[in-house]
Every structure is written in C-alpha cells, then in structure tokens.
Amino acid sequence: MAQWSQWFNELGPAVVDGGAAAGSAKTVGPGGSVSDGGSRGLTGYSIVSPDSLDSAVELAKGCPVLGIGGPVDVYDAIAT
C-alpha cells in the first residue's frame, strides 16, 4: 500500500479516482449470453486526468503493478 500512496502523491492533482482492485467478473455477450470471467482480465483501475493519452502513458509508467510483473492498460475515456 505504501507504493500506491507514493505513486498517487507523485501524480498529484492528476488523480481523479485512486480506484480499486477488481473482484469476480462476468461477461455479457451479444444476444445476452453470459460467461464467467471478464473478457479483458481487469485486475483494478485508477482514473487520472492528464493532457493526452501519451501523458497518461507516462504517468502509468510509475504504477506499482509494473513492479510485480503485471501490465497496465491505458484507455482514453470518451466523455459525452
């Protein structure tokens, strides 16, 4: 947890939502089919507000998940 706190402190006001770890998941497919497990293997999330997707990628390079060998996917949220 100390690594997460340190990373969030480094991100400063870019942190919108520190997020949470993900639990069990189900996937709903076309036609309403349901299967166990998420289709993308999500383990958790954090929301940041950088200037661009490339800036978000730079911020993600400090994520503690990388230190344990996990990947970090960075998505651009499309606000409506």
N, C-alpha and C. Protein backbone atom coordinates (compact mmCIF):
# COMPACT_ATOMS: atom_id res chain seq x y z
N MET A 1 0.82 -1.20 0.00
CA MET A 1 0.00 0.00 0.00
C MET A 1 0.87 1.26 0.00
N ALA A 2 2.02 1.18 0.61
CA ALA A 2 2.90 2.35 0.65
C ALA A 2 3.32 2.76 -0.76
N GLN A 3 3.53 1.78 -1.64
CA GLN A 3 3.91 2.09 -3.02
C GLN A 3 2.78 2.82 -3.75
N TRP A 4 1.54 2.41 -3.47
CA TRP A 4 0.39 3.08 -4.09
C TRP A 4 0.29 4.52 -3.59
N SER A 5 0.42 4.70 -2.30
CA SER A 5 0.36 6.06 -1.74
C SER A 5 1.44 6.94 -2.33
N GLN A 6 2.65 6.40 -2.46
CA GLN A 6 3.76 7.17 -3.03
C GLN A 6 3.46 7.55 -4.48
N TRP A 7 2.94 6.59 -5.27
CA TRP A 7 2.63 6.86 -6.67
C TRP A 7 1.54 7.93 -6.78
N PHE A 8 0.48 7.82 -5.98
CA PHE A 8 -0.59 8.82 -6.02
C PHE A 8 -0.07 10.20 -5.62
N ASN A 9 0.85 10.24 -4.66
CA ASN A 9 1.45 11.52 -4.28
C ASN A 9 2.24 12.12 -5.44
N GLU A 10 2.96 11.26 -6.17
CA GLU A 10 3.72 11.72 -7.33
C GLU A 10 2.79 12.24 -8.44
N LEU A 11 1.63 11.62 -8.60
CA LEU A 11 0.68 12.03 -9.63
C LEU A 11 -0.01 13.35 -9.27
N GLY A 12 -0.11 13.62 -7.99
CA GLY A 12 -0.72 14.87 -7.52
C GLY A 12 -2.14 15.06 -8.01
N PRO A 13 -2.45 16.26 -8.51
CA PRO A 13 -3.83 16.57 -8.89
C PRO A 13 -4.31 15.82 -10.14
N ALA A 14 -3.43 15.09 -10.81
CA ALA A 14 -3.87 14.29 -11.97
C ALA A 14 -4.77 13.14 -11.54
N VAL A 15 -4.72 12.73 -10.26
CA VAL A 15 -5.54 11.62 -9.78
C VAL A 15 -6.99 12.09 -9.64
N VAL A 16 -7.88 11.47 -10.40
CA VAL A 16 -9.31 11.76 -10.31
C VAL A 16 -9.96 10.78 -9.35
N ASP A 17 -9.56 9.50 -9.47
CA ASP A 17 -10.10 8.43 -8.63
C ASP A 17 -8.99 7.41 -8.48
N GLY A 18 -8.54 7.19 -7.25
CA GLY A 18 -7.48 6.22 -6.99
C GLY A 18 -7.87 4.81 -7.38
N GLY A 19 -9.17 4.55 -7.49
CA GLY A 19 -9.66 3.26 -7.97
C GLY A 19 -9.74 2.20 -6.91
N ALA A 20 -9.76 0.97 -7.37
CA ALA A 20 -9.91 -0.19 -6.50
C ALA A 20 -9.49 -1.44 -7.26
N ALA A 21 -9.21 -2.48 -6.51
CA ALA A 21 -8.94 -3.77 -7.12
C ALA A 21 -10.25 -4.35 -7.63
N ALA A 22 -10.19 -5.14 -8.69
CA ALA A 22 -11.37 -5.78 -9.25
C ALA A 22 -11.55 -7.17 -8.64
N GLY A 23 -12.79 -7.55 -8.46
CA GLY A 23 -13.12 -8.89 -7.94
C GLY A 23 -13.58 -9.78 -9.07
N SER A 24 -14.54 -10.68 -8.77
CA SER A 24 -15.05 -11.57 -9.81
C SER A 24 -15.75 -10.79 -10.90
N ALA A 25 -15.88 -11.44 -12.04
CA ALA A 25 -16.48 -10.77 -13.19
C ALA A 25 -17.29 -11.76 -14.02
N LYS A 26 -18.21 -11.23 -14.79
CA LYS A 26 -18.96 -11.98 -15.79
C LYS A 26 -18.96 -11.13 -17.05
N THR A 27 -19.04 -11.77 -18.18
CA THR A 27 -19.07 -11.07 -19.45
C THR A 27 -20.42 -11.32 -20.12
N VAL A 28 -21.06 -10.26 -20.54
CA VAL A 28 -22.32 -10.36 -21.27
C VAL A 28 -22.00 -10.16 -22.75
N GLY A 29 -22.37 -11.13 -23.54
CA GLY A 29 -22.09 -11.08 -24.97
C GLY A 29 -23.31 -10.73 -25.79
N PRO A 30 -23.14 -10.67 -27.10
CA PRO A 30 -24.27 -10.39 -27.98
C PRO A 30 -25.39 -11.40 -27.76
N GLY A 31 -26.59 -10.93 -27.79
CA GLY A 31 -27.73 -11.83 -27.60
C GLY A 31 -27.97 -12.16 -26.14
N GLY A 32 -27.20 -11.56 -25.23
CA GLY A 32 -27.43 -11.79 -23.80
C GLY A 32 -26.71 -12.99 -23.22
N SER A 33 -25.84 -13.64 -23.96
CA SER A 33 -25.09 -14.77 -23.40
C SER A 33 -24.20 -14.26 -22.26
N VAL A 34 -24.03 -15.10 -21.24
CA VAL A 34 -23.24 -14.71 -20.07
C VAL A 34 -22.19 -15.78 -19.80
N SER A 35 -20.94 -15.34 -19.56
CA SER A 35 -19.88 -16.29 -19.22
C SER A 35 -19.13 -15.76 -18.01
N ASP A 36 -18.53 -16.68 -17.26
CA ASP A 36 -17.75 -16.30 -16.09
C ASP A 36 -16.43 -15.69 -16.51
N GLY A 37 -15.97 -14.73 -15.74
CA GLY A 37 -14.68 -14.09 -16.01
C GLY A 37 -14.84 -12.92 -16.94
N GLY A 38 -14.03 -11.92 -16.73
CA GLY A 38 -14.05 -10.75 -17.60
C GLY A 38 -13.31 -11.03 -18.89
N SER A 39 -13.73 -10.39 -19.97
CA SER A 39 -13.10 -10.64 -21.26
C SER A 39 -11.72 -9.98 -21.38
N ARG A 40 -11.41 -9.01 -20.50
CA ARG A 40 -10.14 -8.29 -20.61
C ARG A 40 -9.18 -8.56 -19.47
N GLY A 41 -9.54 -9.36 -18.50
CA GLY A 41 -8.62 -9.67 -17.42
C GLY A 41 -8.30 -8.50 -16.51
N LEU A 42 -9.26 -7.62 -16.31
CA LEU A 42 -9.08 -6.44 -15.47
C LEU A 42 -8.80 -6.84 -14.02
N THR A 43 -7.78 -6.25 -13.42
CA THR A 43 -7.47 -6.54 -12.02
C THR A 43 -7.73 -5.34 -11.11
N GLY A 44 -7.94 -4.18 -11.70
CA GLY A 44 -8.23 -2.97 -10.94
C GLY A 44 -8.17 -1.77 -11.85
N TYR A 45 -8.40 -0.60 -11.26
CA TYR A 45 -8.38 0.61 -12.08
C TYR A 45 -7.97 1.82 -11.25
N SER A 46 -7.50 2.83 -11.93
CA SER A 46 -7.27 4.16 -11.39
C SER A 46 -7.63 5.13 -12.51
N ILE A 47 -8.17 6.29 -12.15
CA ILE A 47 -8.53 7.28 -13.15
C ILE A 47 -7.68 8.53 -12.94
N VAL A 48 -7.02 8.95 -14.02
CA VAL A 48 -6.20 10.16 -13.98
C VAL A 48 -6.69 11.12 -15.06
N SER A 49 -6.32 12.38 -14.92
CA SER A 49 -6.74 13.40 -15.88
C SER A 49 -5.53 14.13 -16.43
N PRO A 50 -4.82 13.50 -17.37
CA PRO A 50 -3.64 14.13 -17.98
C PRO A 50 -4.06 14.97 -19.19
N ASP A 51 -3.09 15.57 -19.85
CA ASP A 51 -3.35 16.38 -21.04
C ASP A 51 -3.64 15.55 -22.28
N SER A 52 -3.15 14.32 -22.32
CA SER A 52 -3.29 13.49 -23.52
C SER A 52 -3.13 12.02 -23.14
N LEU A 53 -3.43 11.16 -24.09
CA LEU A 53 -3.23 9.72 -23.87
C LEU A 53 -1.75 9.42 -23.65
N ASP A 54 -0.88 10.09 -24.40
CA ASP A 54 0.56 9.88 -24.23
C ASP A 54 1.02 10.32 -22.83
N SER A 55 0.44 11.39 -22.32
CA SER A 55 0.76 11.83 -20.95
C SER A 55 0.30 10.79 -19.94
N ALA A 56 -0.86 10.19 -20.19
CA ALA A 56 -1.37 9.14 -19.30
C ALA A 56 -0.44 7.94 -19.30
N VAL A 57 0.11 7.61 -20.45
CA VAL A 57 1.06 6.50 -20.56
C VAL A 57 2.29 6.80 -19.72
N GLU A 58 2.78 8.01 -19.77
CA GLU A 58 3.94 8.39 -18.95
C GLU A 58 3.62 8.26 -17.47
N LEU A 59 2.42 8.68 -17.06
CA LEU A 59 2.02 8.55 -15.65
C LEU A 59 1.94 7.08 -15.25
N ALA A 60 1.44 6.24 -16.15
CA ALA A 60 1.27 4.82 -15.86
C ALA A 60 2.60 4.10 -15.65
N LYS A 61 3.68 4.66 -16.16
CA LYS A 61 4.99 4.02 -16.01
C LYS A 61 5.45 3.95 -14.56
N GLY A 62 4.78 4.67 -13.65
CA GLY A 62 5.11 4.61 -12.23
C GLY A 62 4.18 3.71 -11.44
N CYS A 63 3.23 3.05 -12.11
CA CYS A 63 2.24 2.22 -11.40
C CYS A 63 2.92 1.03 -10.70
N PRO A 64 2.59 0.81 -9.42
CA PRO A 64 3.19 -0.31 -8.67
C PRO A 64 2.93 -1.68 -9.27
N VAL A 65 1.90 -1.85 -10.07
CA VAL A 65 1.62 -3.15 -10.69
C VAL A 65 2.79 -3.60 -11.56
N LEU A 66 3.47 -2.65 -12.18
CA LEU A 66 4.61 -2.99 -13.03
C LEU A 66 5.73 -3.63 -12.23
N GLY A 67 5.86 -3.25 -10.97
CA GLY A 67 6.90 -3.79 -10.10
C GLY A 67 6.72 -5.25 -9.75
N ILE A 68 5.50 -5.77 -9.93
CA ILE A 68 5.25 -7.19 -9.66
C ILE A 68 5.05 -7.98 -10.95
N GLY A 69 5.43 -7.34 -12.07
CA GLY A 69 5.38 -8.04 -13.36
C GLY A 69 4.07 -7.94 -14.11
N GLY A 70 3.13 -7.14 -13.60
CA GLY A 70 1.85 -7.01 -14.27
C GLY A 70 1.85 -5.90 -15.30
N PRO A 71 0.93 -5.97 -16.26
CA PRO A 71 0.81 -4.92 -17.26
C PRO A 71 -0.15 -3.82 -16.81
N VAL A 72 -0.06 -2.67 -17.44
CA VAL A 72 -1.00 -1.58 -17.21
C VAL A 72 -1.55 -1.17 -18.57
N ASP A 73 -2.85 -1.28 -18.75
CA ASP A 73 -3.51 -0.81 -19.96
C ASP A 73 -3.97 0.61 -19.72
N VAL A 74 -3.78 1.48 -20.70
CA VAL A 74 -4.18 2.88 -20.58
C VAL A 74 -5.24 3.15 -21.64
N TYR A 75 -6.40 3.60 -21.20
CA TYR A 75 -7.51 3.90 -22.10
C TYR A 75 -7.86 5.38 -22.03
N ASP A 76 -8.29 5.92 -23.14
CA ASP A 76 -8.81 7.28 -23.19
C ASP A 76 -10.31 7.20 -22.97
N ALA A 77 -10.82 7.84 -21.93
CA ALA A 77 -12.25 7.85 -21.66
C ALA A 77 -12.92 8.87 -22.57
N ILE A 78 -14.02 8.48 -23.17
CA ILE A 78 -14.73 9.37 -24.07
C ILE A 78 -15.95 9.90 -23.34
N ALA A 79 -15.88 11.18 -22.98
CA ALA A 79 -16.99 11.81 -22.26
C ALA A 79 -18.06 12.24 -23.25
N THR A 80 -19.29 12.11 -22.84
CA THR A 80 -20.39 12.54 -23.72
C THR A 80 -21.10 13.73 -23.15
